[in-house]
Amino acid sequence: MIFKEVKIETLAHPERGSFKIGPFGSSLKKHELVKSGIPVAGIENVLPNQFVSSFRKFITQEKFTQLADYEVKTGDIVVTTMGTIGRAAVVPKNIKTLIIDSHLFRMRVDKSKVYPPYLCYAINGYEGLKRRLAQMSRGAIMEGLNTTILKECSIPLPPLAEQKRISAILGKCDRLRRTRRYALQLSDTFLQSVFLEMFGQETAKDFPLVTVESLTKIGKNTLRTGPFGSQLLHSEFSETGDIAVLGIDNVVQNCFTWEKPRYITYKKYEQLKRYTVFPSDLLITIMGTCGRCAIVPEKFPTAINTKHLCCITLDKNNCLPTYLQACFLRHPFVLKQLGISERGAVMPGLNMNIIKDLVLPLPPLPFQQKFAQIAQKFERLRTQQREAERQAEHLFQTLLHRAFRGELTSSDFDDEAVSALSKEFDVKQPKPKSTVEVAEYLRTKVNQQETEAVQLTLPGLE
């Protein structure tokens, strides 16, 4: 069944100002924001199909009286017009008095024509709308989303009952997708607990302090960046070849991943041998998203790294790559030297000299080996979680595609399927309090997942 397409502007509620962007310029100044009062929603409150109900900006009741036209209510759709533009979410039922800032666009729709969650899914996921936005903004620097452009875009509009049915199916899958993502985030706290208990400030005072440079293998170029300038040009890369070239995309997830293939010829490699990457080397991003770390896998083919990475070859009789990676990502003493107040924050800048001069506590090798064993089990669990998340995302995108083509049936994603898919990881698992508990938890989960296949494929969606 093919649904008729309608322009978004035709779905507006008949009341005046139903489609409205937040207050600009002198209407709301920074000094008028207060620590508590009436919340002000911004782009940080809008994720795709999810409204985040935690606020950091407020105005007084008196100021709200002046800005009442910008109030959002339950069932309104808010769309980001700056930053990551075009994200849409429905305002939930538990929201009380609230206004939007200048970076959001409020859409109050005629509910006799369109079901708000359906319109939200269409704005976030309908490929035809995305293509239209790209076409209408082509040739200009799109610093923000022009609300006129959004109103001119069209979406497929089935009957209201069908919109609600589609939204219910997509909602189930979307919740599963978010649960997968949350499970992956939650599991990272387990290894953090292990690391801090084994090597945190209380324990680290018994370990000698050393520099990263002193931990490298004896020899030349054991701490290095990649070739600069004319040494290696983009024009010399190819999608197939003899020698792989590693960059930020291989490291940015804090684990090694094969992404866009980049190769050079063996002849070119002969000129750049000093930049060879070896198995168990630690790679650190020093441009773009700085401070991400990954360990080169064992039995890795010959490769070099780009100038965007710092590569460290360690003396593994003194320091294990797993321990040094964890220090970069988790140790408060190291993060403080890097100018980071909390784990996961944006790193201000990084270069090879900063890295080699970093000071860190060096525990005995058996301590490092014990942590590495726990981390290895943890990573096996994480690998399966990442695959589960990838499959859930693929399933959601498949359902979206079917929905807007009128091909989505109720059997595609029923309650029984949701229940089966949701059992693979229990996000309500309490956070362990000790190294032993964490290690035992990880061992249980890994053993469990070794005997239970991850299965997210549904009938008709193979």
Protein backbone atom coordinates (compact mmCIF):
# COMPACT_ATOMS: atom_id res chain seq x y z
CA MET A 1 0.00 0.00 0.00
CA ILE A 2 1.37 3.42 -0.99
CA PHE A 3 0.43 6.31 1.30
CA LYS A 4 -0.36 9.77 -0.03
CA GLU A 5 2.28 12.38 0.85
CA VAL A 6 1.30 15.68 2.47
CA LYS A 7 3.32 18.77 3.44
CA ILE A 8 4.10 19.08 7.11
CA GLU A 9 2.66 22.60 7.26
CA THR A 10 -0.83 21.20 6.46
CA LEU A 11 -0.73 19.24 9.73
CA ALA A 12 -0.49 22.31 11.98
CA HIS A 13 -3.10 22.91 14.68
CA PRO A 14 -5.50 25.67 13.59
CA GLU A 15 -4.60 27.92 16.55
CA ARG A 16 -2.32 30.85 15.78
CA GLY A 17 1.41 30.23 16.30
CA SER A 18 1.07 26.45 16.51
CA PHE A 19 4.39 26.14 14.60
CA LYS A 20 6.87 28.39 16.37
CA ILE A 21 10.62 28.72 16.87
CA GLY A 22 11.95 29.66 20.32
CA PRO A 23 12.64 33.21 21.55
CA PHE A 24 15.51 35.02 19.81
CA GLY A 25 17.87 37.85 20.75
CA SER A 26 16.60 40.27 23.37
CA SER A 27 13.54 38.14 24.15
CA LEU A 28 15.62 35.89 26.40
CA LYS A 29 19.10 36.92 27.50
CA LYS A 30 21.63 34.77 29.33
CA HIS A 31 21.57 36.90 32.47
CA GLU A 32 17.82 36.25 32.77
CA LEU A 33 18.40 32.54 33.31
CA VAL A 34 18.19 31.37 36.93
CA LYS A 35 19.14 28.24 38.89
CA SER A 36 15.58 27.05 39.42
CA GLY A 37 12.11 27.91 38.24
CA ILE A 38 10.37 27.28 34.90
CA PRO A 39 12.55 24.93 32.78
CA VAL A 40 13.90 26.01 29.37
CA ALA A 41 14.35 23.12 26.92
CA GLY A 42 17.24 23.18 24.45
CA ILE A 43 18.88 20.86 21.94
CA GLU A 44 20.32 18.82 24.81
CA ASN A 45 16.77 17.74 25.68
CA VAL A 46 15.97 16.34 22.23
CA LEU A 47 17.23 12.97 21.04
CA PRO A 48 15.68 11.15 18.07
CA ASN A 49 12.21 10.04 19.24
CA GLN A 50 13.13 10.71 22.88
CA PHE A 51 12.59 13.80 25.03
CA VAL A 52 15.13 14.07 27.87
CA SER A 53 13.39 15.48 30.94
CA SER A 54 16.42 16.88 32.77
CA PHE A 55 17.01 20.63 32.54
CA ARG A 56 19.91 22.96 33.23
CA LYS A 57 18.31 26.30 32.29
CA PHE A 58 15.41 28.02 34.06
CA ILE A 59 13.50 31.31 34.08
CA THR A 60 11.36 33.02 36.69
CA GLN A 61 7.57 32.91 36.71
CA GLU A 62 7.57 36.61 35.79
CA LYS A 63 9.73 35.98 32.72
CA PHE A 64 7.55 33.04 31.75
CA THR A 65 4.54 35.34 31.66
CA GLN A 66 6.35 37.38 28.97
CA LEU A 67 7.31 34.25 27.00
CA ALA A 68 4.12 32.20 27.35
CA ASP A 69 3.80 31.99 23.55
CA TYR A 70 6.84 29.69 23.56
CA GLU A 71 5.38 27.18 26.00
CA VAL A 72 5.37 23.52 24.98
CA LYS A 73 2.75 21.07 26.12
CA THR A 74 2.26 17.32 26.19
CA GLY A 75 1.96 16.00 22.65
CA ASP A 76 3.88 18.88 21.03
CA ILE A 77 6.80 17.94 18.81
CA VAL A 78 10.10 19.77 19.27
CA VAL A 79 12.73 19.78 16.51
CA THR A 80 16.37 20.87 16.77
CA THR A 81 17.32 23.72 14.44
CA MET A 82 20.97 24.07 15.48
CA GLY A 83 23.77 21.63 16.27
CA THR A 84 22.58 18.21 15.07
CA ILE A 85 19.66 19.60 13.13
CA GLY A 86 16.38 17.85 12.44
CA ARG A 87 16.17 15.67 15.56
CA ALA A 88 12.56 15.40 16.73
CA ALA A 89 10.88 14.23 19.94
CA VAL A 90 7.36 14.27 21.35
CA VAL A 91 6.90 16.11 24.68
CA PRO A 92 5.80 13.41 27.18
CA LYS A 93 2.85 13.40 29.58
CA ASN A 94 4.84 14.04 32.75
CA ILE A 95 6.00 17.49 31.62
CA LYS A 96 4.53 20.50 33.41
CA THR A 97 5.18 24.15 32.54
CA LEU A 98 8.06 24.48 30.07
CA ILE A 99 9.32 26.75 27.27
CA ILE A 100 11.81 26.21 24.42
CA ASP A 101 14.94 28.18 23.58
CA SER A 102 15.91 29.65 20.20
CA HIS A 103 17.48 26.38 19.00
CA LEU A 104 14.19 24.46 19.01
CA PHE A 105 11.11 24.56 16.80
CA ARG A 106 7.74 23.71 18.34
CA MET A 107 5.16 21.89 16.25
CA ARG A 108 1.65 21.72 17.71
CA VAL A 109 -0.29 19.53 15.30
CA ASP A 110 -3.91 18.83 14.49
CA LYS A 111 -4.39 15.44 16.16
CA SER A 112 -7.40 14.68 13.99
CA LYS A 113 -4.97 14.53 11.05
CA VAL A 114 -1.72 13.20 12.46
CA TYR A 115 -0.59 11.19 15.49
CA PRO A 116 2.38 13.07 17.04
CA PRO A 117 4.63 9.99 17.56
CA TYR A 118 4.10 9.02 13.90
CA LEU A 119 5.12 12.48 12.69
CA CYS A 120 8.14 12.32 14.99
CA TYR A 121 9.26 8.99 13.50
CA ALA A 122 8.78 10.43 10.01
CA ILE A 123 10.91 13.53 10.71
CA ASN A 124 13.68 11.40 12.20
CA GLY A 125 13.58 8.50 9.80
CA TYR A 126 11.79 9.08 6.50
CA GLU A 127 14.43 9.05 3.76
CA GLY A 128 12.29 11.15 1.41
CA LEU A 129 12.25 13.99 3.96
CA LYS A 130 16.01 13.74 4.47
CA ARG A 131 16.62 13.93 0.73
CA ARG A 132 14.28 16.92 0.45
CA LEU A 133 16.13 18.78 3.21
CA ALA A 134 19.44 18.10 1.46
CA GLN A 135 18.08 19.33 -1.90
CA MET A 136 16.52 22.50 -0.51
CA SER A 137 19.64 23.45 1.44
CA ARG A 138 22.11 22.61 -1.35
CA GLY A 139 24.44 25.43 -2.31
CA ALA A 140 24.22 27.17 1.07
CA ILE A 141 26.07 26.76 4.35
CA MET A 142 23.38 25.29 6.56
CA GLU A 143 24.29 26.60 10.01
CA GLY A 144 20.78 25.89 11.23
CA LEU A 145 17.57 24.32 10.05
CA ASN A 146 15.31 26.80 8.27
CA THR A 147 11.82 26.14 9.65
CA THR A 148 10.24 27.18 6.35
CA ILE A 149 12.17 24.37 4.66
CA LEU A 150 10.90 21.86 7.24
CA LYS A 151 7.28 22.96 6.79
CA GLU A 152 7.61 22.52 3.01
CA CYS A 153 8.78 18.93 3.37
CA SER A 154 6.32 16.09 2.73
CA ILE A 155 5.74 12.79 4.52
CA PRO A 156 3.60 9.71 3.75
CA LEU A 157 0.34 10.02 5.73
CA PRO A 158 -1.76 6.89 6.23
CA PRO A 159 -5.13 6.95 8.04
CA LEU A 160 -4.95 7.87 11.73
CA ALA A 161 -5.57 4.31 12.94
CA GLU A 162 -2.70 3.07 10.77
CA GLN A 163 -0.42 5.83 12.09
CA LYS A 164 -1.07 4.63 15.64
CA ARG A 165 -0.47 0.99 14.71
CA ILE A 166 2.83 1.85 12.98
CA SER A 167 3.91 4.01 15.94
CA ALA A 168 3.18 1.18 18.40
CA ILE A 169 5.36 -1.26 16.43
CA LEU A 170 8.18 1.25 15.96
CA GLY A 171 7.93 2.23 19.63
CA LYS A 172 8.55 -1.34 20.77
CA CYS A 173 11.59 -1.67 18.54
CA ASP A 174 12.87 1.77 19.51
CA ARG A 175 12.70 0.86 23.20
CA LEU A 176 14.63 -2.33 22.49
CA ARG A 177 17.24 -0.33 20.58
CA ARG A 178 17.67 2.12 23.47
CA THR A 179 17.85 -0.76 25.96
CA ARG A 180 20.68 -2.31 23.94
CA ARG A 181 22.50 1.03 23.91
CA TYR A 182 21.98 1.53 27.64
CA ALA A 183 23.17 -2.01 28.39
CA LEU A 184 26.39 -1.29 26.51
CA GLN A 185 26.90 1.96 28.44
CA LEU A 186 26.08 0.30 31.75
CA SER A 187 28.52 -2.56 31.26
CA ASP A 188 31.39 -0.08 30.95
CA THR A 189 30.92 0.84 34.62
CA PHE A 190 31.84 -2.71 35.64
CA LEU A 191 35.38 -2.56 34.26
CA GLN A 192 35.76 0.96 35.65
CA SER A 193 34.96 -0.42 39.12
CA VAL A 194 37.56 -3.16 38.74
CA PHE A 195 40.24 -0.77 37.55
CA LEU A 196 39.72 1.84 40.28
CA GLU A 197 39.64 -0.79 42.99
CA MET A 198 42.88 -2.37 41.75
CA PHE A 199 44.78 0.79 40.73
CA GLY A 200 42.89 3.81 42.12
CA GLN A 201 44.39 6.53 44.29
CA GLU A 202 44.30 4.53 47.53
CA THR A 203 46.14 1.59 45.97
CA ALA A 204 48.35 3.57 43.57
CA LYS A 205 50.28 5.27 46.39
CA ASP A 206 52.18 1.99 46.84
CA PHE A 207 53.29 1.91 43.18
CA PRO A 208 56.27 3.80 41.68
CA LEU A 209 55.51 6.72 39.35
CA VAL A 210 56.93 6.46 35.85
CA THR A 211 56.61 8.28 32.52
CA VAL A 212 55.00 6.73 29.45
CA GLU A 213 58.29 7.17 27.57
CA SER A 214 60.10 4.98 30.10
CA LEU A 215 57.65 2.13 29.43
CA THR A 216 58.40 1.81 25.72
CA LYS A 217 60.43 -1.00 24.21
CA ILE A 218 64.15 -0.33 23.87
CA GLY A 219 64.95 0.87 20.36
CA LYS A 220 64.08 3.61 17.88
CA ASN A 221 60.59 4.84 17.00
CA THR A 222 58.88 3.01 19.83
CA LEU A 223 56.74 6.10 20.45
CA ARG A 224 55.81 7.75 17.16
CA THR A 225 53.21 9.50 15.04
CA GLY A 226 52.51 8.83 11.37
CA PRO A 227 53.97 10.43 8.23
CA PHE A 228 53.35 14.17 7.76
CA GLY A 229 52.77 16.38 4.73
CA SER A 230 54.04 15.16 1.38
CA GLN A 231 55.33 11.89 2.88
CA LEU A 232 51.83 10.39 2.47
CA LEU A 233 49.12 12.01 0.35
CA HIS A 234 45.42 11.10 0.24
CA SER A 235 45.82 10.50 -3.48
CA GLU A 236 48.13 7.58 -2.65
CA PHE A 237 45.39 5.68 -0.78
CA SER A 238 43.33 2.98 -2.45
CA GLU A 239 40.52 0.67 -1.31
CA THR A 240 42.64 -2.38 -2.03
CA GLY A 241 46.36 -2.88 -1.81
CA ASP A 242 49.27 -4.42 0.02
CA ILE A 243 49.63 -2.46 3.28
CA ALA A 244 46.78 -1.13 5.47
CA VAL A 245 46.82 2.47 6.73
CA LEU A 246 45.20 3.00 10.16
CA GLY A 247 43.48 6.23 11.18
CA ILE A 248 41.12 7.79 13.72
CA ASP A 249 38.18 5.68 12.56
CA ASN A 250 39.98 2.50 13.61
CA VAL A 251 40.45 3.76 17.19
CA VAL A 252 37.61 6.18 17.99
CA GLN A 253 35.45 3.57 19.74
CA ASN A 254 38.26 2.77 22.22
CA CYS A 255 38.56 -0.67 20.68
CA PHE A 256 40.12 -1.62 17.37
CA THR A 257 37.63 -1.78 14.48
CA TRP A 258 38.09 -2.18 10.73
CA GLU A 259 36.31 0.74 9.09
CA LYS A 260 36.89 2.41 5.71
CA PRO A 261 39.62 0.46 3.91
CA ARG A 262 42.79 2.42 3.17
CA TYR A 263 45.83 0.83 1.57
CA ILE A 264 49.15 1.79 0.02
CA THR A 265 51.40 -0.15 -2.30
CA TYR A 266 54.32 -2.17 -1.01
CA LYS A 267 56.61 0.19 -2.92
CA LYS A 268 55.22 3.16 -0.93
CA TYR A 269 55.52 1.18 2.29
CA GLU A 270 59.25 0.72 1.69
CA GLN A 271 59.55 4.53 2.12
CA LEU A 272 57.44 4.54 5.30
CA LYS A 273 58.62 1.42 7.16
CA ARG A 274 59.51 3.44 10.26
CA TYR A 275 55.76 3.98 10.81
CA THR A 276 54.95 0.25 10.92
CA VAL A 277 52.30 -0.75 13.46
CA PHE A 278 52.91 -3.99 15.35
CA PRO A 279 50.52 -6.37 17.14
CA SER A 280 49.81 -5.21 20.75
CA ASP A 281 50.85 -1.61 19.96
CA LEU A 282 48.69 1.04 21.63
CA LEU A 283 47.15 3.58 19.25
CA ILE A 284 45.99 6.97 20.58
CA THR A 285 44.11 9.63 18.62
CA ILE A 286 45.88 13.02 18.72
CA MET A 287 43.68 14.87 16.20
CA GLY A 288 39.92 15.08 15.78
CA THR A 289 38.45 13.26 18.79
CA CYS A 290 41.61 13.24 20.93
CA GLY A 291 42.52 10.67 23.55
CA ARG A 292 40.74 7.60 22.20
CA CYS A 293 42.80 4.41 22.59
CA ALA A 294 42.84 0.96 21.02
CA ILE A 295 45.17 -2.01 21.11
CA VAL A 296 46.28 -3.52 17.80
CA PRO A 297 45.06 -7.16 17.67
CA GLU A 298 47.42 -10.12 17.64
CA LYS A 299 48.24 -11.70 14.25
CA PHE A 300 47.66 -8.33 12.64
CA PRO A 301 48.74 -7.83 9.00
CA THR A 302 51.46 -5.32 8.14
CA ALA A 303 50.16 -1.74 8.50
CA ILE A 304 51.21 1.84 9.19
CA ASN A 305 49.39 4.63 11.02
CA THR A 306 48.51 8.14 9.85
CA LYS A 307 49.67 11.40 11.46
CA HIS A 308 46.38 11.48 13.38
CA LEU A 309 47.54 8.68 15.67
CA CYS A 310 50.32 8.21 18.18
CA CYS A 311 51.60 4.64 18.24
CA ILE A 312 53.33 3.16 21.31
CA THR A 313 55.32 -0.10 21.30
CA LEU A 314 55.66 -1.15 24.94
CA ASP A 315 58.16 -3.30 26.81
CA LYS A 316 55.59 -5.92 27.83
CA ASN A 317 57.90 -7.26 30.53
CA ASN A 318 57.29 -3.95 32.31
CA CYS A 319 53.88 -2.66 31.20
CA LEU A 320 50.96 -4.36 29.43
CA PRO A 321 49.03 -2.49 26.71
CA THR A 322 45.73 -3.27 28.47
CA TYR A 323 46.91 -1.48 31.60
CA LEU A 324 48.25 1.58 29.77
CA GLN A 325 45.04 1.87 27.71
CA ALA A 326 42.98 1.73 30.90
CA CYS A 327 45.15 4.46 32.47
CA PHE A 328 44.47 6.78 29.51
CA LEU A 329 40.74 6.15 29.68
CA ARG A 330 40.09 5.65 33.38
CA HIS A 331 42.81 6.72 35.83
CA PRO A 332 41.92 10.02 37.59
CA PHE A 333 45.61 10.92 38.03
CA VAL A 334 46.29 10.55 34.29
CA LEU A 335 43.05 12.25 33.21
CA LYS A 336 43.89 15.24 35.38
CA GLN A 337 47.25 15.64 33.58
CA LEU A 338 45.37 15.55 30.27
CA GLY A 339 43.10 18.39 31.39
CA ILE A 340 40.00 16.23 31.80
CA SER A 341 37.86 16.70 34.87
CA GLU A 342 35.82 13.52 34.38
CA ARG A 343 35.97 10.29 32.41
CA GLY A 344 34.44 10.62 28.92
CA ALA A 345 34.83 14.41 28.73
CA VAL A 346 36.26 16.13 25.67
CA MET A 347 40.06 16.33 25.70
CA PRO A 348 41.37 19.85 25.00
CA GLY A 349 44.39 18.78 22.89
CA LEU A 350 47.04 16.10 22.63
CA ASN A 351 50.42 15.53 21.01
CA MET A 352 53.29 13.06 21.25
CA ASN A 353 55.28 15.18 23.72
CA ILE A 354 52.33 15.35 26.13
CA ILE A 355 51.87 11.59 25.88
CA LYS A 356 55.51 10.63 26.47
CA ASP A 357 55.78 12.95 29.51
CA LEU A 358 52.63 11.63 31.21
CA VAL A 359 53.27 10.22 34.67
CA LEU A 360 51.38 7.19 35.94
CA PRO A 361 51.64 4.60 38.72
CA LEU A 362 53.19 1.30 37.62
CA PRO A 363 51.88 -1.74 39.49
CA PRO A 364 53.72 -5.08 39.49
CA LEU A 365 53.24 -7.16 36.35
CA PRO A 366 51.10 -9.85 38.08
CA PHE A 367 48.59 -7.13 39.04
CA GLN A 368 48.46 -5.96 35.43
CA GLN A 369 48.05 -9.54 34.20
CA LYS A 370 45.15 -10.11 36.56
CA PHE A 371 43.41 -6.98 35.27
CA ALA A 372 44.13 -7.98 31.66
CA GLN A 373 42.42 -11.35 32.22
CA ILE A 374 39.31 -9.64 33.57
CA ALA A 375 39.40 -7.09 30.75
CA GLN A 376 39.64 -9.86 28.14
CA LYS A 377 36.49 -11.51 29.45
CA PHE A 378 34.80 -8.15 29.64
CA GLU A 379 35.67 -7.37 26.02
CA ARG A 380 34.22 -10.66 24.83
CA LEU A 381 30.94 -9.69 26.49
CA ARG A 382 31.15 -6.19 25.03
CA THR A 383 31.70 -7.60 21.54
CA GLN A 384 28.45 -9.54 21.76
CA GLN A 385 26.66 -6.51 23.21
CA ARG A 386 27.87 -4.34 20.34
CA GLU A 387 26.61 -6.93 17.87
CA ALA A 388 23.24 -7.03 19.64
CA GLU A 389 23.05 -3.23 19.46
CA ARG A 390 23.99 -3.28 15.77
CA GLN A 391 21.30 -5.82 14.99
CA ALA A 392 18.67 -3.90 16.96
CA GLU A 393 19.57 -0.74 15.03
CA HIS A 394 19.36 -2.63 11.72
CA LEU A 395 15.97 -4.03 12.71
CA PHE A 396 14.64 -0.56 13.60
CA GLN A 397 15.83 0.93 10.31
CA THR A 398 14.27 -1.97 8.39
CA LEU A 399 10.94 -1.45 10.13
CA LEU A 400 11.09 2.29 9.43
CA HIS A 401 11.66 1.61 5.74
CA ARG A 402 8.74 -0.80 5.62
CA ALA A 403 6.46 1.50 7.59
CA PHE A 404 6.67 4.44 5.20
CA ARG A 405 6.20 2.16 2.21
CA GLY A 406 3.02 0.70 3.68
CA GLU A 407 4.57 -2.78 4.08
CA LEU A 408 4.66 -3.09 7.88
CA THR A 409 2.58 -5.96 9.27
CA SER A 410 1.81 -6.65 12.93
CA SER A 411 3.70 -9.97 12.81
CA ASP A 412 6.94 -8.13 12.02
CA PHE A 413 7.43 -7.19 15.65
CA ASP A 414 4.97 -8.75 18.10
CA ASP A 415 5.08 -8.95 21.90
CA GLU A 416 6.55 -12.47 21.85
CA ALA A 417 9.46 -11.31 19.69
CA VAL A 418 10.11 -8.32 21.94
CA SER A 419 10.15 -10.55 25.02
CA ALA A 420 12.61 -12.98 23.44
CA LEU A 421 14.96 -10.22 22.32
CA SER A 422 14.90 -8.44 25.67
CA LYS A 423 16.08 -11.44 27.72
CA GLU A 424 19.66 -11.41 26.45
CA PHE A 425 20.86 -8.68 28.81
CA ASP A 426 19.28 -7.70 32.09
CA VAL A 427 19.89 -3.95 32.54
CA LYS A 428 18.52 -4.15 36.09
CA GLN A 429 21.57 -6.15 37.23
CA PRO A 430 22.86 -4.35 40.37
CA LYS A 431 26.28 -2.78 40.13
CA PRO A 432 28.88 -5.00 41.86
CA LYS A 433 30.83 -3.44 44.71
CA SER A 434 34.11 -5.36 44.63
CA THR A 435 36.64 -6.73 42.17
CA VAL A 436 35.65 -10.29 43.01
CA GLU A 437 31.96 -9.58 42.40
CA VAL A 438 32.68 -7.82 39.12
CA ALA A 439 34.97 -10.57 37.88
CA GLU A 440 32.39 -13.20 38.85
CA TYR A 441 29.61 -11.23 37.15
CA LEU A 442 31.63 -10.93 33.94
CA ARG A 443 32.58 -14.61 34.06
CA THR A 444 28.91 -15.58 34.44
CA LYS A 445 27.77 -13.34 31.60
CA VAL A 446 30.54 -14.49 29.25
CA ASN A 447 29.89 -18.16 29.95
CA GLN A 448 26.18 -17.52 29.47
CA GLN A 449 26.70 -15.78 26.15
CA GLU A 450 29.09 -18.48 24.95
CA THR A 451 26.29 -21.06 25.17
CA GLU A 452 23.39 -18.81 24.11
CA ALA A 453 23.52 -17.43 20.57
CA VAL A 454 22.63 -13.79 20.08
CA GLN A 455 19.50 -13.78 17.93
CA LEU A 456 17.81 -10.62 16.72
CA THR A 457 16.56 -11.78 13.32
CA LEU A 458 12.81 -11.84 12.95
CA PRO A 459 10.76 -13.73 10.35
CA GLY A 460 10.86 -11.91 7.04
CA LEU A 461 13.70 -9.60 8.10
CA GLU A 462 16.72 -11.83 7.41
